[in-house]
């Protein structure tokens, strides 16, 4: 099962080059995944793909059950958007 979950996280990282809009939609859906590693990848991917549009999704992840997901969400919110 861990391999499948790791695969989901990898898939989220490569979605950006395929289609930005599709990547954003997939990232938003992945924020609700049962796997913390998938949610972690989704936070990172959403930040990179959506810029300012990602703020609402990132804010919701500040309350995630996993400490690393919460930490990454706060980090992404605090970083300046590079566009």
C-alpha atoms as a PDB file:
ATOM      1  CA  UNK A   1       0.000   0.000   0.000  1.00  0.00           C
ATOM      2  CA  UNK A   2       2.851   2.422   0.768  1.00  0.00           C
ATOM      3  CA  UNK A   3       4.081   2.088  -2.801  1.00  0.00           C
ATOM      4  CA  UNK A   4       0.671   3.078  -4.137  1.00  0.00           C
ATOM      5  CA  UNK A   5       0.533   6.107  -1.835  1.00  0.00           C
ATOM      6  CA  UNK A   6       4.074   7.105  -2.796  1.00  0.00           C
ATOM      7  CA  UNK A   7       2.989   6.825  -6.413  1.00  0.00           C
ATOM      8  CA  UNK A   8       0.139   9.268  -5.821  1.00  0.00           C
ATOM      9  CA  UNK A   9       2.557  11.812  -4.370  1.00  0.00           C
ATOM     10  CA  UNK A  10       4.874  11.420  -7.362  1.00  0.00           C
ATOM     11  CA  UNK A  11       1.941  11.799  -9.755  1.00  0.00           C
ATOM     12  CA  UNK A  12       1.012  15.113  -8.130  1.00  0.00           C
ATOM     13  CA  UNK A  13       4.548  16.466  -8.607  1.00  0.00           C
ATOM     14  CA  UNK A  14       4.491  15.811 -12.350  1.00  0.00           C
ATOM     15  CA  UNK A  15       0.982  17.111 -13.045  1.00  0.00           C
ATOM     16  CA  UNK A  16       2.136  20.723 -13.396  1.00  0.00           C
ATOM     17  CA  UNK A  17       3.894  20.258 -16.733  1.00  0.00           C
ATOM     18  CA  UNK A  18       0.937  18.288 -18.118  1.00  0.00           C
ATOM     19  CA  UNK A  19      -1.752  20.859 -17.412  1.00  0.00           C
ATOM     20  CA  UNK A  20      -1.724  23.609 -14.849  1.00  0.00           C
ATOM     21  CA  UNK A  21      -5.520  23.606 -14.457  1.00  0.00           C
ATOM     22  CA  UNK A  22      -5.665  19.816 -14.134  1.00  0.00           C
ATOM     23  CA  UNK A  23      -2.810  19.940 -11.638  1.00  0.00           C
ATOM     24  CA  UNK A  24      -4.591  22.507  -9.498  1.00  0.00           C
ATOM     25  CA  UNK A  25      -7.800  20.459  -9.475  1.00  0.00           C
ATOM     26  CA  UNK A  26      -5.924  17.263  -8.617  1.00  0.00           C
ATOM     27  CA  UNK A  27      -3.984  19.069  -5.912  1.00  0.00           C
ATOM     28  CA  UNK A  28      -7.118  20.416  -4.288  1.00  0.00           C
ATOM     29  CA  UNK A  29      -8.655  16.931  -4.286  1.00  0.00           C
ATOM     30  CA  UNK A  30      -5.473  15.415  -2.882  1.00  0.00           C
ATOM     31  CA  UNK A  31      -5.601  17.770   0.112  1.00  0.00           C
ATOM     32  CA  UNK A  32      -8.313  15.441   1.446  1.00  0.00           C
ATOM     33  CA  UNK A  33      -6.419  12.170   0.795  1.00  0.00           C
ATOM     34  CA  UNK A  34      -6.094   9.724   3.697  1.00  0.00           C
ATOM     35  CA  UNK A  35      -2.296   9.549   3.209  1.00  0.00           C
ATOM     36  CA  UNK A  36      -0.236  12.279   4.865  1.00  0.00           C
ATOM     37  CA  UNK A  37       2.469  11.911   2.198  1.00  0.00           C
ATOM     38  CA  UNK A  38      -0.093  12.610  -0.531  1.00  0.00           C
ATOM     39  CA  UNK A  39      -1.454  15.638   1.355  1.00  0.00           C
ATOM     40  CA  UNK A  40       2.119  16.863   1.838  1.00  0.00           C
ATOM     41  CA  UNK A  41       2.816  16.624  -1.900  1.00  0.00           C
ATOM     42  CA  UNK A  42      -0.524  18.312  -2.609  1.00  0.00           C
ATOM     43  CA  UNK A  43       0.343  21.303  -0.402  1.00  0.00           C
ATOM     44  CA  UNK A  44       3.674  21.767  -2.185  1.00  0.00           C
ATOM     45  CA  UNK A  45       2.220  21.253  -5.645  1.00  0.00           C
ATOM     46  CA  UNK A  46      -0.718  23.570  -5.064  1.00  0.00           C
ATOM     47  CA  UNK A  47       1.601  26.319  -3.855  1.00  0.00           C
ATOM     48  CA  UNK A  48       3.774  26.028  -6.957  1.00  0.00           C
ATOM     49  CA  UNK A  49       0.912  25.778  -9.430  1.00  0.00           C
ATOM     50  CA  UNK A  50      -1.648  28.215  -8.084  1.00  0.00           C
ATOM     51  CA  UNK A  51       0.345  30.963  -6.396  1.00  0.00           C
ATOM     52  CA  UNK A  52      -2.020  33.362  -4.619  1.00  0.00           C
ATOM     53  CA  UNK A  53      -4.997  31.206  -5.606  1.00  0.00           C
ATOM     54  CA  UNK A  54      -3.628  28.452  -3.382  1.00  0.00           C
ATOM     55  CA  UNK A  55      -3.942  30.447  -0.157  1.00  0.00           C
ATOM     56  CA  UNK A  56      -7.430  29.173   0.811  1.00  0.00           C
ATOM     57  CA  UNK A  57      -6.404  25.553   0.278  1.00  0.00           C
ATOM     58  CA  UNK A  58      -3.155  26.069   2.167  1.00  0.00           C
ATOM     59  CA  UNK A  59      -4.955  27.773   5.054  1.00  0.00           C
ATOM     60  CA  UNK A  60      -7.240  24.764   5.431  1.00  0.00           C
ATOM     61  CA  UNK A  61      -4.161  22.537   5.782  1.00  0.00           C
ATOM     62  CA  UNK A  62      -2.871  24.456   8.807  1.00  0.00           C
ATOM     63  CA  UNK A  63      -5.317  22.342  10.822  1.00  0.00           C
ATOM     64  CA  UNK A  64      -4.262  18.994   9.285  1.00  0.00           C
ATOM     65  CA  UNK A  65      -3.794  16.056  11.657  1.00  0.00           C
ATOM     66  CA  UNK A  66      -0.207  15.518  10.454  1.00  0.00           C
ATOM     67  CA  UNK A  67       2.447  17.858  11.866  1.00  0.00           C
ATOM     68  CA  UNK A  68       4.607  17.849   8.707  1.00  0.00           C
ATOM     69  CA  UNK A  69       1.613  18.753   6.522  1.00  0.00           C
ATOM     70  CA  UNK A  70       0.763  21.631   8.864  1.00  0.00           C
ATOM     71  CA  UNK A  71       4.389  22.807   8.865  1.00  0.00           C
ATOM     72  CA  UNK A  72       4.644  22.763   5.063  1.00  0.00           C
ATOM     73  CA  UNK A  73       1.338  24.627   4.675  1.00  0.00           C
ATOM     74  CA  UNK A  74       2.523  27.389   7.009  1.00  0.00           C
ATOM     75  CA  UNK A  75       5.871  27.555   5.206  1.00  0.00           C
ATOM     76  CA  UNK A  76       4.206  27.888   1.811  1.00  0.00           C
ATOM     77  CA  UNK A  77       1.835  30.576   3.075  1.00  0.00           C
ATOM     78  CA  UNK A  78       4.803  32.523   4.447  1.00  0.00           C
ATOM     79  CA  UNK A  79       6.942  32.317   1.299  1.00  0.00           C
ATOM     80  CA  UNK A  80       6.602  35.057  -1.275  1.00  0.00           C
ATOM     81  CA  UNK A  81       4.950  33.900  -4.471  1.00  0.00           C
ATOM     82  CA  UNK A  82       7.514  33.707  -7.279  1.00  0.00           C
ATOM     83  CA  UNK A  83       5.779  34.632 -10.536  1.00  0.00           C
END
